[in-house]
Amino acid sequence: MSKARDLADNALGSKPKVVDAKGDLIVASTSDTAVRVAIGTNGQFLQANSATTSGVSWASVTTDPTTDIFLLMGA
């Protein structure tokens, strides 16, 4: 069966659900293995993170990007 068919079956409920909450993401943890990544909090962005099982994690912006943009425009 194709991977696309497996995902469709999952969405229709004929296979165990990978997603169960608003904003869930499906990512591959290894070949042919899908895992759930829960949604982050407001303002966070998704980043690559090889230290996690899913290979991605949510992170917060550590600087104010509007300040950087203002400085670039004023230069």
N, C-alpha and C. Protein backbone atom coordinates (compact mmCIF):
# COMPACT_ATOMS: atom_id res chain seq x y z
N MET A 1 0.85 -1.18 0.00
CA MET A 1 0.00 0.00 0.00
C MET A 1 0.89 1.25 0.00
N SER A 2 0.47 2.28 -0.67
CA SER A 2 1.28 3.49 -0.78
C SER A 2 1.27 4.29 0.50
N LYS A 3 2.28 5.11 0.69
CA LYS A 3 2.35 5.98 1.87
C LYS A 3 1.18 6.96 1.86
N ALA A 4 0.82 7.47 0.69
CA ALA A 4 -0.32 8.39 0.60
C ALA A 4 -1.60 7.69 1.04
N ARG A 5 -1.76 6.45 0.64
CA ARG A 5 -2.96 5.68 1.03
C ARG A 5 -2.95 5.45 2.54
N ASP A 6 -1.78 5.16 3.10
CA ASP A 6 -1.68 4.96 4.55
C ASP A 6 -2.11 6.22 5.30
N LEU A 7 -1.66 7.39 4.82
CA LEU A 7 -2.05 8.65 5.47
C LEU A 7 -3.55 8.89 5.33
N ALA A 8 -4.10 8.58 4.15
CA ALA A 8 -5.54 8.75 3.94
C ALA A 8 -6.32 7.81 4.86
N ASP A 9 -5.89 6.57 4.98
CA ASP A 9 -6.55 5.62 5.88
C ASP A 9 -6.49 6.12 7.32
N ASN A 10 -5.35 6.67 7.70
CA ASN A 10 -5.18 7.20 9.05
C ASN A 10 -6.19 8.33 9.28
N ALA A 11 -6.33 9.23 8.33
CA ALA A 11 -7.25 10.36 8.46
C ALA A 11 -8.69 9.89 8.56
N LEU A 12 -9.01 8.79 7.89
CA LEU A 12 -10.38 8.27 7.89
C LEU A 12 -10.67 7.41 9.12
N GLY A 13 -9.65 7.12 9.92
CA GLY A 13 -9.88 6.38 11.15
C GLY A 13 -9.75 4.88 11.04
N SER A 14 -9.31 4.35 9.89
CA SER A 14 -9.16 2.91 9.75
C SER A 14 -7.82 2.40 10.27
N LYS A 15 -6.97 3.31 10.65
CA LYS A 15 -5.69 2.98 11.28
C LYS A 15 -5.57 3.81 12.55
N PRO A 16 -4.68 3.46 13.46
CA PRO A 16 -4.52 4.27 14.67
C PRO A 16 -4.20 5.72 14.31
N LYS A 17 -4.80 6.64 15.01
CA LYS A 17 -4.61 8.05 14.70
C LYS A 17 -3.24 8.55 15.15
N VAL A 18 -2.59 9.29 14.28
CA VAL A 18 -1.32 9.92 14.62
C VAL A 18 -1.60 11.31 15.16
N VAL A 19 -2.61 11.98 14.62
CA VAL A 19 -2.96 13.32 15.09
C VAL A 19 -4.25 13.25 15.89
N ASP A 20 -4.30 14.03 16.97
CA ASP A 20 -5.51 14.01 17.79
C ASP A 20 -5.84 15.37 18.40
N ALA A 21 -5.15 16.42 17.96
CA ALA A 21 -5.43 17.75 18.49
C ALA A 21 -5.22 18.80 17.41
N LYS A 22 -5.86 19.93 17.57
CA LYS A 22 -5.73 21.05 16.64
C LYS A 22 -4.26 21.43 16.49
N GLY A 23 -3.82 21.59 15.25
CA GLY A 23 -2.47 22.04 14.97
C GLY A 23 -1.41 20.96 14.93
N ASP A 24 -1.79 19.69 15.18
CA ASP A 24 -0.81 18.61 15.12
C ASP A 24 -0.16 18.54 13.74
N LEU A 25 1.12 18.20 13.73
CA LEU A 25 1.86 18.00 12.49
C LEU A 25 2.31 16.55 12.44
N ILE A 26 2.38 16.00 11.24
CA ILE A 26 2.92 14.65 11.05
C ILE A 26 4.29 14.80 10.41
N VAL A 27 5.29 14.22 11.03
CA VAL A 27 6.65 14.24 10.47
C VAL A 27 7.22 12.83 10.53
N ALA A 28 8.20 12.58 9.71
CA ALA A 28 8.84 11.26 9.70
C ALA A 28 9.97 11.24 10.72
N SER A 29 9.97 10.23 11.58
CA SER A 29 11.06 10.09 12.55
C SER A 29 12.15 9.17 11.99
N THR A 30 11.74 8.23 11.19
CA THR A 30 12.66 7.34 10.45
C THR A 30 11.94 6.95 9.16
N SER A 31 12.56 6.15 8.36
CA SER A 31 11.93 5.71 7.12
C SER A 31 10.62 4.98 7.42
N ASP A 32 9.55 5.40 6.77
CA ASP A 32 8.23 4.78 6.90
C ASP A 32 7.63 4.87 8.30
N THR A 33 8.07 5.82 9.13
CA THR A 33 7.53 5.97 10.48
C THR A 33 7.11 7.41 10.70
N ALA A 34 5.82 7.60 10.96
CA ALA A 34 5.29 8.94 11.21
C ALA A 34 5.11 9.16 12.71
N VAL A 35 5.42 10.37 13.15
CA VAL A 35 5.20 10.75 14.55
C VAL A 35 4.44 12.08 14.60
N ARG A 36 3.81 12.33 15.71
CA ARG A 36 3.03 13.55 15.94
C ARG A 36 3.91 14.59 16.60
N VAL A 37 3.85 15.82 16.07
CA VAL A 37 4.48 16.97 16.72
C VAL A 37 3.34 17.92 17.09
N ALA A 38 3.15 18.13 18.37
CA ALA A 38 2.09 19.02 18.83
C ALA A 38 2.42 20.46 18.44
N ILE A 39 1.39 21.27 18.32
CA ILE A 39 1.58 22.66 17.95
C ILE A 39 2.38 23.39 19.03
N GLY A 40 3.16 24.37 18.61
CA GLY A 40 3.90 25.20 19.55
C GLY A 40 3.01 26.29 20.13
N THR A 41 3.62 27.25 20.79
CA THR A 41 2.86 28.37 21.34
C THR A 41 2.93 29.55 20.38
N ASN A 42 2.10 30.55 20.60
CA ASN A 42 2.06 31.72 19.73
C ASN A 42 3.46 32.33 19.60
N GLY A 43 3.83 32.66 18.37
CA GLY A 43 5.11 33.31 18.10
C GLY A 43 6.27 32.36 17.90
N GLN A 44 6.10 31.07 18.16
CA GLN A 44 7.19 30.14 17.95
C GLN A 44 7.30 29.74 16.49
N PHE A 45 8.47 29.23 16.10
CA PHE A 45 8.69 28.75 14.74
C PHE A 45 9.24 27.33 14.81
N LEU A 46 9.03 26.57 13.74
CA LEU A 46 9.50 25.20 13.67
C LEU A 46 10.92 25.19 13.13
N GLN A 47 11.81 24.49 13.86
CA GLN A 47 13.21 24.44 13.45
C GLN A 47 13.69 23.00 13.36
N ALA A 48 14.70 22.77 12.53
CA ALA A 48 15.33 21.46 12.47
C ALA A 48 16.06 21.23 13.78
N ASN A 49 15.96 20.00 14.31
CA ASN A 49 16.62 19.67 15.58
C ASN A 49 16.89 18.18 15.59
N SER A 50 18.09 17.79 15.21
CA SER A 50 18.42 16.37 15.10
C SER A 50 18.49 15.67 16.47
N ALA A 51 18.47 16.42 17.56
CA ALA A 51 18.51 15.81 18.89
C ALA A 51 17.15 15.26 19.32
N THR A 52 16.07 15.60 18.60
CA THR A 52 14.75 15.10 18.95
C THR A 52 14.38 13.91 18.09
N THR A 53 13.44 13.11 18.56
CA THR A 53 12.97 11.93 17.82
C THR A 53 12.40 12.32 16.46
N SER A 54 11.64 13.42 16.43
CA SER A 54 10.98 13.84 15.19
C SER A 54 11.91 14.58 14.23
N GLY A 55 13.03 15.10 14.73
CA GLY A 55 13.94 15.86 13.89
C GLY A 55 13.59 17.34 13.79
N VAL A 56 12.49 17.75 14.43
CA VAL A 56 12.08 19.16 14.46
C VAL A 56 11.63 19.51 15.88
N SER A 57 11.66 20.80 16.19
CA SER A 57 11.14 21.27 17.47
C SER A 57 10.71 22.72 17.34
N TRP A 58 9.87 23.15 18.26
CA TRP A 58 9.42 24.54 18.28
C TRP A 58 10.43 25.37 19.04
N ALA A 59 10.66 26.59 18.58
CA ALA A 59 11.61 27.49 19.24
C ALA A 59 11.03 28.90 19.24
N SER A 60 11.52 29.70 20.16
CA SER A 60 11.09 31.10 20.25
C SER A 60 12.13 32.00 19.62
N VAL A 61 11.68 33.10 19.06
CA VAL A 61 12.59 34.09 18.50
C VAL A 61 13.31 34.76 19.67
N THR A 62 14.62 34.87 19.58
CA THR A 62 15.38 35.43 20.69
C THR A 62 15.73 36.90 20.50
N THR A 63 15.52 37.44 19.33
CA THR A 63 15.75 38.87 19.10
C THR A 63 14.51 39.47 18.45
N ASP A 64 14.40 40.76 18.49
CA ASP A 64 13.27 41.46 17.89
C ASP A 64 13.61 41.72 16.42
N PRO A 65 12.99 41.00 15.49
CA PRO A 65 13.34 41.17 14.08
C PRO A 65 13.01 42.56 13.55
N THR A 66 12.04 43.26 14.15
CA THR A 66 11.70 44.59 13.65
C THR A 66 12.84 45.57 13.89
N THR A 67 13.60 45.39 14.96
CA THR A 67 14.76 46.25 15.21
C THR A 67 15.80 46.05 14.12
N ASP A 68 16.08 44.80 13.77
CA ASP A 68 17.06 44.51 12.73
C ASP A 68 16.63 45.07 11.38
N ILE A 69 15.37 44.96 11.06
CA ILE A 69 14.86 45.48 9.80
C ILE A 69 14.98 47.00 9.77
N PHE A 70 14.66 47.64 10.85
CA PHE A 70 14.75 49.10 10.93
C PHE A 70 16.20 49.55 10.71
N LEU A 71 17.15 48.86 11.34
CA LEU A 71 18.54 49.25 11.19
C LEU A 71 19.02 49.05 9.75
N LEU A 72 18.57 47.97 9.10
CA LEU A 72 18.98 47.73 7.72
C LEU A 72 18.40 48.78 6.79
N MET A 73 17.17 49.19 7.04
CA MET A 73 16.54 50.18 6.20
C MET A 73 17.15 51.56 6.41
N GLY A 74 17.62 51.83 7.62
CA GLY A 74 18.16 53.15 7.92
C GLY A 74 19.62 53.30 7.51
N ALA A 75 20.26 52.21 7.11
CA ALA A 75 21.69 52.26 6.79
C ALA A 75 21.94 52.87 5.43
